[in-house]
PDB file of N, CA and C in Angstrom:
ATOM      1  N   MET A   1      94.282  91.509 104.925  1.00  0.00           N
ATOM      2  CA  MET A   1      93.136  92.348 105.157  1.00  0.00           C
ATOM      3  C   MET A   1      92.216  92.354 106.176  1.00  0.00           C
ATOM      4  N   ASN A   2      91.662  93.196 106.612  1.00  0.00           N
ATOM      5  CA  ASN A   2      90.810  93.005 107.904  1.00  0.00           C
ATOM      6  C   ASN A   2      89.413  94.015 107.705  1.00  0.00           C
ATOM      7  N   SER A   3      88.926  94.137 108.841  1.00  0.00           N
ATOM      8  CA  SER A   3      87.527  95.037 108.438  1.00  0.00           C
ATOM      9  C   SER A   3      87.681  96.140 108.663  1.00  0.00           C
ATOM     10  N   GLU A   4      88.844  96.693 109.324  1.00  0.00           N
ATOM     11  CA  GLU A   4      88.965  98.178 109.610  1.00  0.00           C
ATOM     12  C   GLU A   4      89.535  98.673 107.991  1.00  0.00           C
ATOM     13  N   ARG A   5      90.569  98.212 107.497  1.00  0.00           N
ATOM     14  CA  ARG A   5      90.854  98.283 106.160  1.00  0.00           C
ATOM     15  C   ARG A   5      89.769  98.410 105.216  1.00  0.00           C
ATOM     16  N   THR A   6      88.855  97.466 104.758  1.00  0.00           N
ATOM     17  CA  THR A   6      87.857  97.453 104.187  1.00  0.00           C
ATOM     18  C   THR A   6      86.654  98.464 104.757  1.00  0.00           C
ATOM     19  N   GLN A   7      86.664  99.026 105.817  1.00  0.00           N
ATOM     20  CA  GLN A   7      85.731 100.006 106.148  1.00  0.00           C
ATOM     21  C   GLN A   7      86.309 101.121 105.495  1.00  0.00           C
ATOM     22  N   ALA A   8      87.763 101.709 105.788  1.00  0.00           N
ATOM     23  CA  ALA A   8      88.515 102.830 105.368  1.00  0.00           C
ATOM     24  C   ALA A   8      88.136 102.759 103.587  1.00  0.00           C
ATOM     25  N   TYR A   9      88.233 101.441 102.854  1.00  0.00           N
ATOM     26  CA  TYR A   9      88.185 101.671 101.577  1.00  0.00           C
ATOM     27  C   TYR A   9      86.338 101.836 101.236  1.00  0.00           C
ATOM     28  N   GLY A  10      85.660 101.463 102.169  1.00  0.00           N
ATOM     29  CA  GLY A  10      84.192 102.052 101.672  1.00  0.00           C
ATOM     30  C   GLY A  10      84.131 103.614 101.680  1.00  0.00           C
ATOM     31  N   ARG A  11      84.945 104.085 102.935  1.00  0.00           N
ATOM     32  CA  ARG A  11      84.686 105.037 103.119  1.00  0.00           C
ATOM     33  C   ARG A  11      85.020 106.358 101.883  1.00  0.00           C
ATOM     34  N   ILE A  12      86.731 106.137 101.110  1.00  0.00           N
ATOM     35  CA  ILE A  12      86.883 106.389 100.095  1.00  0.00           C
ATOM     36  C   ILE A  12      85.861 106.409  98.755  1.00  0.00           C
ATOM     37  N   VAL A  13      85.300 105.570  98.810  1.00  0.00           N
ATOM     38  CA  VAL A  13      84.218 104.993  97.486  1.00  0.00           C
ATOM     39  C   VAL A  13      83.267 105.989  97.803  1.00  0.00           C
ATOM     40  N   LYS A  14      82.616 105.870  99.267  1.00  0.00           N
ATOM     41  CA  LYS A  14      81.620 107.106  99.266  1.00  0.00           C
ATOM     42  C   LYS A  14      82.227 108.493  99.580  1.00  0.00           C
ATOM     43  N   THR A  15      83.275 108.821  99.743  1.00  0.00           N
ATOM     44  CA  THR A  15      83.759 110.236  99.357  1.00  0.00           C
ATOM     45  C   THR A  15      83.799 110.619  97.836  1.00  0.00           C
ATOM     46  N   LEU A  16      84.260 109.254  96.852  1.00  0.00           N
ATOM     47  CA  LEU A  16      84.348 109.695  95.597  1.00  0.00           C
ATOM     48  C   LEU A  16      82.662 109.984  95.052  1.00  0.00           C
ATOM     49  N   GLU A  17      81.808 109.187  95.476  1.00  0.00           N
ATOM     50  CA  GLU A  17      80.595 109.104  95.209  1.00  0.00           C
ATOM     51  C   GLU A  17      80.154 110.536  95.179  1.00  0.00           C
ATOM     52  N   ASP A  18      80.334 110.938  96.681  1.00  0.00           N
ATOM     53  CA  ASP A  18      79.706 112.349  97.147  1.00  0.00           C
ATOM     54  C   ASP A  18      80.042 113.526  96.203  1.00  0.00           C
ATOM     55  N   VAL A  19      81.638 113.257  96.059  1.00  0.00           N
ATOM     56  CA  VAL A  19      82.297 114.355  95.419  1.00  0.00           C
ATOM     57  C   VAL A  19      81.964 114.643  94.078  1.00  0.00           C
ATOM     58  N   GLY A  20      82.293 113.473  93.498  1.00  0.00           N
ATOM     59  CA  GLY A  20      81.967 113.108  92.002  1.00  0.00           C
ATOM     60  C   GLY A  20      82.824 114.134  91.278  1.00  0.00           C
ATOM     61  N   ALA A  21      82.193 114.509  89.972  1.00  0.00           N
ATOM     62  CA  ALA A  21      82.606 115.430  89.086  1.00  0.00           C
ATOM     63  C   ALA A  21      82.705 116.732  89.536  1.00  0.00           C
ATOM     64  N   THR A  22      82.194 116.787  90.469  1.00  0.00           N
ATOM     65  CA  THR A  22      81.852 118.686  91.117  1.00  0.00           C
ATOM     66  C   THR A  22      83.404 119.176  91.669  1.00  0.00           C
ATOM     67  N   LYS A  23      84.309 118.145  92.310  1.00  0.00           N
ATOM     68  CA  LYS A  23      85.141 118.698  92.918  1.00  0.00           C
ATOM     69  C   LYS A  23      86.408 117.969  92.525  1.00  0.00           C
ATOM     70  N   LEU A  24      86.215 116.799  91.505  1.00  0.00           N
ATOM     71  CA  LEU A  24      87.300 115.899  91.463  1.00  0.00           C
ATOM     72  C   LEU A  24      87.449 115.777  89.817  1.00  0.00           C
ATOM     73  N   GLN A  25      88.395 115.899  89.023  1.00  0.00           N
ATOM     74  CA  GLN A  25      88.240 115.679  87.705  1.00  0.00           C
ATOM     75  C   GLN A  25      88.470 113.950  87.502  1.00  0.00           C
ATOM     76  N   PRO A  26      87.551 113.476  86.466  1.00  0.00           N
ATOM     77  CA  PRO A  26      87.908 111.838  86.324  1.00  0.00           C
ATOM     78  C   PRO A  26      89.281 111.359  86.376  1.00  0.00           C
ATOM     79  N   ALA A  27      90.226 111.862  85.934  1.00  0.00           N
ATOM     80  CA  ALA A  27      91.782 111.496  86.224  1.00  0.00           C
ATOM     81  C   ALA A  27      92.181 111.554  87.668  1.00  0.00           C
ATOM     82  N   GLU A  28      91.705 112.579  88.509  1.00  0.00           N
ATOM     83  CA  GLU A  28      91.761 112.462  89.827  1.00  0.00           C
ATOM     84  C   GLU A  28      91.288 111.402  90.774  1.00  0.00           C
ATOM     85  N   GLN A  29      90.110 111.268  90.110  1.00  0.00           N
ATOM     86  CA  GLN A  29      89.308 110.339  90.931  1.00  0.00           C
ATOM     87  C   GLN A  29      90.069 109.129  90.595  1.00  0.00           C
ATOM     88  N   SER A  30      90.298 108.716  89.190  1.00  0.00           N
ATOM     89  CA  SER A  30      91.157 107.467  88.978  1.00  0.00           C
ATOM     90  C   SER A  30      92.041 107.141  89.969  1.00  0.00           C
ATOM     91  N   ARG A  31      93.108 108.330  90.188  1.00  0.00           N
ATOM     92  CA  ARG A  31      94.460 107.995  90.898  1.00  0.00           C
ATOM     93  C   ARG A  31      93.919 107.807  92.270  1.00  0.00           C
ATOM     94  N   ILE A  32      92.604 108.437  92.612  1.00  0.00           N
ATOM     95  CA  ILE A  32      92.344 108.063  94.150  1.00  0.00           C
ATOM     96  C   ILE A  32      92.232 106.349  94.370  1.00  0.00           C
ATOM     97  N   ARG A  33      91.374 105.846  93.405  1.00  0.00           N
ATOM     98  CA  ARG A  33      90.821 104.586  93.191  1.00  0.00           C
ATOM     99  C   ARG A  33      91.933 103.478  93.249  1.00  0.00           C
ATOM    100  N   GLU A  34      92.719 103.990  92.391  1.00  0.00           N
ATOM    101  CA  GLU A  34      94.068 102.956  92.149  1.00  0.00           C
ATOM    102  C   GLU A  34      94.830 102.877  93.350  1.00  0.00           C
ATOM    103  N   ALA A  35      95.093 104.195  94.063  1.00  0.00           N
ATOM    104  CA  ALA A  35      95.662 104.333  95.267  1.00  0.00           C
ATOM    105  C   ALA A  35      95.014 103.437  96.511  1.00  0.00           C
ATOM    106  N   ALA A  36      93.767 103.555  96.401  1.00  0.00           N
ATOM    107  CA  ALA A  36      93.016 102.490  97.361  1.00  0.00           C
ATOM    108  C   ALA A  36      93.025 101.293  96.959  1.00  0.00           C
ATOM    109  N   ASP A  37      92.808 101.191  96.019  1.00  0.00           N
ATOM    110  CA  ASP A  37      93.170  99.352  95.398  1.00  0.00           C
ATOM    111  C   ASP A  37      94.323  98.912  95.698  1.00  0.00           C
ATOM    112  N   THR A  38      95.611  99.594  95.559  1.00  0.00           N
ATOM    113  CA  THR A  38      96.833  99.359  95.795  1.00  0.00           C
ATOM    114  C   THR A  38      97.231  99.028  97.449  1.00  0.00           C
ATOM    115  N   LEU A  39      96.585 100.350  97.828  1.00  0.00           N
ATOM    116  CA  LEU A  39      96.752 100.046  99.561  1.00  0.00           C
ATOM    117  C   LEU A  39      95.891  98.740 100.040  1.00  0.00           C
ATOM    118  N   ILE A  40      94.701  98.543  99.727  1.00  0.00           N
ATOM    119  CA  ILE A  40      94.149  97.387  99.943  1.00  0.00           C
ATOM    120  C   ILE A  40      94.520  95.964 100.069  1.00  0.00           C
ATOM    121  N   PHE A  41      95.223  96.013  98.735  1.00  0.00           N
ATOM    122  CA  PHE A  41      95.938  94.729  98.716  1.00  0.00           C
ATOM    123  C   PHE A  41      97.102  94.477  99.024  1.00  0.00           C
ATOM    124  N   ALA A  42      97.760  95.884  99.444  1.00  0.00           N
ATOM    125  CA  ALA A  42      99.184  95.716  99.736  1.00  0.00           C
ATOM    126  C   ALA A  42      99.628  94.588 100.850  1.00  0.00           C
ATOM    127  N   ALA A  43     100.676  93.902 100.803  1.00  0.00           N
ATOM    128  CA  ALA A  43     101.173  93.063 101.810  1.00  0.00           C
ATOM    129  C   ALA A  43     101.951  93.818 102.778  1.00  0.00           C
ATOM    130  N   ASP A  44     102.863  94.998 102.579  1.00  0.00           N
ATOM    131  CA  ASP A  44     103.418  95.541 103.021  1.00  0.00           C
ATOM    132  C   ASP A  44     103.407  97.031 102.805  1.00  0.00           C
ATOM    133  N   ILE A  45     103.833  98.256 103.735  1.00  0.00           N
ATOM    134  CA  ILE A  45     103.635  99.546 103.145  1.00  0.00           C
ATOM    135  C   ILE A  45     104.786  99.648 101.807  1.00  0.00           C
ATOM    136  N   ALA A  46     105.662  98.719 101.702  1.00  0.00           N
ATOM    137  CA  ALA A  46     106.807  99.063 100.450  1.00  0.00           C
ATOM    138  C   ALA A  46     105.915  98.763  99.338  1.00  0.00           C
ATOM    139  N   GLU A  47     105.134  97.625  99.043  1.00  0.00           N
ATOM    140  CA  GLU A  47     104.450  97.816  98.021  1.00  0.00           C
ATOM    141  C   GLU A  47     103.418  98.970  97.562  1.00  0.00           C
ATOM    142  N   ALA A  48     103.265  99.904  98.692  1.00  0.00           N
ATOM    143  CA  ALA A  48     102.185 101.078  98.235  1.00  0.00           C
ATOM    144  C   ALA A  48     102.867 102.447  98.184  1.00  0.00           C
ATOM    145  N   ARG A  49     104.122 102.275  98.166  1.00  0.00           N
ATOM    146  CA  ARG A  49     105.141 103.632  98.180  1.00  0.00           C
ATOM    147  C   ARG A  49     104.817 104.560  97.045  1.00  0.00           C
ATOM    148  N   ALA A  50     104.816 104.188  95.896  1.00  0.00           N
ATOM    149  CA  ALA A  50     104.319 104.785  95.016  1.00  0.00           C
ATOM    150  C   ALA A  50     102.989 105.501  94.780  1.00  0.00           C
ATOM    151  N   ALA A  51     102.068 104.352  95.061  1.00  0.00           N
ATOM    152  CA  ALA A  51     100.655 105.260  95.179  1.00  0.00           C
ATOM    153  C   ALA A  51     100.651 106.302  96.217  1.00  0.00           C
ATOM    154  N   LEU A  52     101.655 105.962  97.313  1.00  0.00           N
ATOM    155  CA  LEU A  52     101.363 106.927  98.334  1.00  0.00           C
ATOM    156  C   LEU A  52     101.878 108.583  97.647  1.00  0.00           C
ATOM    157  N   ARG A  53     103.120 108.315  97.109  1.00  0.00           N
ATOM    158  CA  ARG A  53     103.536 109.304  96.706  1.00  0.00           C
ATOM    159  C   ARG A  53     102.910 110.226  95.408  1.00  0.00           C
ATOM    160  N   ASP A  54     102.152 109.625  94.813  1.00  0.00           N
ATOM    161  CA  ASP A  54     100.991 110.141  93.806  1.00  0.00           C
ATOM    162  C   ASP A  54      99.662 110.846  94.389  1.00  0.00           C
ATOM    163  N   ILE A  55      99.581 110.255  95.798  1.00  0.00           N
ATOM    164  CA  ILE A  55      98.424 110.682  96.220  1.00  0.00           C
ATOM    165  C   ILE A  55      98.732 112.397  97.040  1.00  0.00           C
ATOM    166  N   ASP A  56      99.859 112.029  97.695  1.00  0.00           N
ATOM    167  CA  ASP A  56     100.788 113.235  98.382  1.00  0.00           C
ATOM    168  C   ASP A  56     100.667 114.241  97.230  1.00  0.00           C
ATOM    169  N   ALA A  57     101.040 114.014  95.966  1.00  0.00           N
ATOM    170  CA  ALA A  57     101.015 115.222  94.997  1.00  0.00           C
ATOM    171  C   ALA A  57      99.895 115.651  94.578  1.00  0.00           C
ATOM    172  N   LEU A  58      98.633 114.606  94.496  1.00  0.00           N
ATOM    173  CA  LEU A  58      97.217 114.875  94.455  1.00  0.00           C
ATOM    174  C   LEU A  58      96.794 115.956  95.308  1.00  0.00           C
ATOM    175  N   ALA A  59      96.983 115.418  96.686  1.00  0.00           N
ATOM    176  CA  ALA A  59      96.673 116.372  97.709  1.00  0.00           C
ATOM    177  C   ALA A  59      97.027 117.630  97.785  1.00  0.00           C
ATOM    178  N   ASP A  60      98.627 117.874  97.710  1.00  0.00           N
ATOM    179  CA  ASP A  60      99.059 119.346  97.380  1.00  0.00           C
ATOM    180  C   ASP A  60      98.453 119.877  96.285  1.00  0.00           C
ATOM    181  N   HIS A  61      98.126 119.201  95.018  1.00  0.00           N
ATOM    182  CA  HIS A  61      97.135 120.232  94.093  1.00  0.00           C
ATOM    183  C   HIS A  61      96.228 120.475  94.501  1.00  0.00           C
ATOM    184  N   LEU A  62      95.077 119.769  95.036  1.00  0.00           N
ATOM    185  CA  LEU A  62      93.954 119.995  95.482  1.00  0.00           C
ATOM    186  C   LEU A  62      93.945 121.282  96.307  1.00  0.00           C
ATOM    187  N   ILE A  63      94.762 121.113  97.543  1.00  0.00           N
ATOM    188  CA  ILE A  63      94.756 122.223  98.420  1.00  0.00           C
ATOM    189  C   ILE A  63      95.454 123.601  97.777  1.00  0.00           C
ATOM    190  N   SER A  64      96.471 123.544  97.043  1.00  0.00           N
ATOM    191  CA  SER A  64      96.836 124.705  96.355  1.00  0.00           C
ATOM    192  C   SER A  64      95.954 125.115  95.207  1.00  0.00           C
ATOM    193  N   SER A  65      95.242 124.360  94.486  1.00  0.00           N
ATOM    194  CA  SER A  65      94.263 125.190  93.642  1.00  0.00           C
ATOM    195  C   SER A  65      93.248 125.720  94.210  1.00  0.00           C
ATOM    196  N   GLY A  66      92.936 125.204  95.251  1.00  0.00           N
ATOM    197  CA  GLY A  66      91.534 125.932  96.444  1.00  0.00           C
ATOM    198  C   GLY A  66      90.523 125.020  96.292  1.00  0.00           C
ATOM    199  N   ARG A  67      90.680 124.086  95.563  1.00  0.00           N
ATOM    200  CA  ARG A  67      89.549 122.892  95.168  1.00  0.00           C
ATOM    201  C   ARG A  67      88.905 122.130  96.406  1.00  0.00           C
ATOM    202  N   TRP A  68      89.680 121.980  97.154  1.00  0.00           N
ATOM    203  CA  TRP A  68      89.650 121.329  98.524  1.00  0.00           C
ATOM    204  C   TRP A  68      90.153 122.028  99.689  1.00  0.00           C
ATOM    205  N   LEU A  69      89.338 121.744 100.799  1.00  0.00           N
ATOM    206  CA  LEU A  69      90.016 122.288 102.091  1.00  0.00           C
ATOM    207  C   LEU A  69      90.815 121.431 102.575  1.00  0.00           C
ATOM    208  N   GLU A  70      92.020 121.596 103.280  1.00  0.00           N
ATOM    209  CA  GLU A  70      92.843 121.033 104.131  1.00  0.00           C
ATOM    210  C   GLU A  70      92.323 120.173 104.785  1.00  0.00           C
ATOM    211  N   GLU A  71      91.127 120.005 105.661  1.00  0.00           N
ATOM    212  CA  GLU A  71      90.536 119.130 106.499  1.00  0.00           C
ATOM    213  C   GLU A  71      90.194 118.290 105.668  1.00  0.00           C
ATOM    214  N   ARG A  72      89.621 118.567 104.495  1.00  0.00           N
ATOM    215  CA  ARG A  72      88.986 117.433 103.686  1.00  0.00           C
ATOM    216  C   ARG A  72      89.983 116.442 102.962  1.00  0.00           C
ATOM    217  N   VAL A  73      90.980 117.114 102.849  1.00  0.00           N
ATOM    218  CA  VAL A  73      92.318 116.299 101.911  1.00  0.00           C
ATOM    219  C   VAL A  73      92.905 115.363 103.396  1.00  0.00           C
ATOM    220  N   ASP A  74      92.771 116.188 104.374  1.00  0.00           N
ATOM    221  CA  ASP A  74      93.206 115.271 105.569  1.00  0.00           C
ATOM    222  C   ASP A  74      92.468 113.867 106.037  1.00  0.00           C
ATOM    223  N   ARG A  75      91.228 114.115 105.685  1.00  0.00           N
ATOM    224  CA  ARG A  75      90.360 112.806 105.937  1.00  0.00           C
ATOM    225  C   ARG A  75      90.697 112.267 104.716  1.00  0.00           C
ATOM    226  N   LEU A  76      90.851 112.250 103.535  1.00  0.00           N
ATOM    227  CA  LEU A  76      90.874 111.337 102.605  1.00  0.00           C
ATOM    228  C   LEU A  76      92.333 110.690 102.740  1.00  0.00           C
ATOM    229  N   ILE A  77      93.402 111.140 102.916  1.00  0.00           N
ATOM    230  CA  ILE A  77      94.637 110.810 103.397  1.00  0.00           C
ATOM    231  C   ILE A  77      94.551 109.806 104.600  1.00  0.00           C
ATOM    232  N   GLU A  78      93.852 110.204 105.590  1.00  0.00           N
ATOM    233  CA  GLU A  78      93.633 109.323 106.576  1.00  0.00           C
ATOM    234  C   GLU A  78      92.963 107.934 106.271  1.00  0.00           C
ATOM    235  N   ASP A  79      91.812 108.087 105.617  1.00  0.00           N
ATOM    236  CA  ASP A  79      91.197 106.990 105.014  1.00  0.00           C
ATOM    237  C   ASP A  79      91.936 106.192 103.997  1.00  0.00           C
ATOM    238  N   LEU A  80      92.841 106.793 103.338  1.00  0.00           N
ATOM    239  CA  LEU A  80      93.866 105.952 102.331  1.00  0.00           C
ATOM    240  C   LEU A  80      94.628 105.016 102.909  1.00  0.00           C
ATOM    241  N   LEU A  81      95.505 105.875 104.122  1.00  0.00           N
ATOM    242  CA  LEU A  81      96.249 105.199 104.661  1.00  0.00           C
ATOM    243  C   LEU A  81      95.766 104.206 105.651  1.00  0.00           C
ATOM    244  N   ALA A  82      94.627 104.325 106.325  1.00  0.00           N
ATOM    245  CA  ALA A  82      93.932 103.246 106.906  1.00  0.00           C
ATOM    246  C   ALA A  82      93.360 101.917 105.949  1.00  0.00           C
ATOM    247  N   CYS A  83      93.775 102.349 104.366  1.00  0.00           N
ATOM    248  CA  CYS A  83      93.306 101.106 103.495  1.00  0.00           C
ATOM    249  C   CYS A  83      94.596 100.033 103.476  1.00  0.00           C
ATOM    250  N   GLY A  84      95.655 100.554 103.777  1.00  0.00           N
ATOM    251  CA  GLY A  84      96.759  99.668 103.701  1.00  0.00           C
ATOM    252  C   GLY A  84      97.247  99.350 104.865  1.00  0.00           C
ATOM    253  N   PRO A  85      98.348  98.302 104.680  1.00  0.00           N
ATOM    254  CA  PRO A  85      98.855  97.474 105.860  1.00  0.00           C
ATOM    255  C   PRO A  85      99.494  98.423 107.005  1.00  0.00           C
ATOM    256  N   ALA A  86      99.607  97.850 108.148  1.00  0.00           N
ATOM    257  CA  ALA A  86     100.263  98.607 109.331  1.00  0.00           C
ATOM    258  C   ALA A  86     101.362  98.901 109.033  1.00  0.00           C
ATOM    259  N   PRO A  87     101.898  99.776 109.120  1.00  0.00           N
ATOM    260  CA  PRO A  87     103.020 100.465 109.022  1.00  0.00           C
ATOM    261  C   PRO A  87     104.303  99.639 109.958  1.00  0.00           C
ATOM    262  N   VAL A  88     105.422  99.139 109.725  1.00  0.00           N
ATOM    263  CA  VAL A  88     106.466  98.511 110.447  1.00  0.00           C
ATOM    264  C   VAL A  88     107.363  99.330 111.576  1.00  0.00           C
ATOM    265  N   ALA A  89     107.061  98.703 112.771  1.00  0.00           N
ATOM    266  CA  ALA A  89     107.693  99.431 113.623  1.00  0.00           C
ATOM    267  C   ALA A  89     109.117  99.434 113.669  1.00  0.00           C
ATOM    268  N   ALA A  90     109.869 100.376 113.928  1.00  0.00           N
ATOM    269  CA  ALA A  90     111.570 100.485 113.579  1.00  0.00           C
ATOM    270  C   ALA A  90     112.243  99.888 114.928  1.00  0.00           C
TER     271      ALA A  90
END
C-alpha cells in the first residue's frame, strides 16, 4: 500500500459521502466499498479480478439507467483502479 492508493481510497469515500442515497442504493454503495477494500488490500491484480468485474457491471448499470453520467462513472472507475496494485507489465 502506498500514499497514492490511500488517496484514491479517500476519493472513493468522499464520492460515496457526496452522492449518498440520492444517486446510489445502499447495496450499490456497499458494492463500491467492498471493491475499494478489496483493491486497497490486494497484493496483485489477480486478487481483485472478481471485484473489478462486479464494478464493471455496476458501472454499466448506472450509465444505462441514466442515474450517472459516463464521466462520473469514469472518475469512480479511475479512483477504484488507483486503489489497486499496479498491473504487471507483460
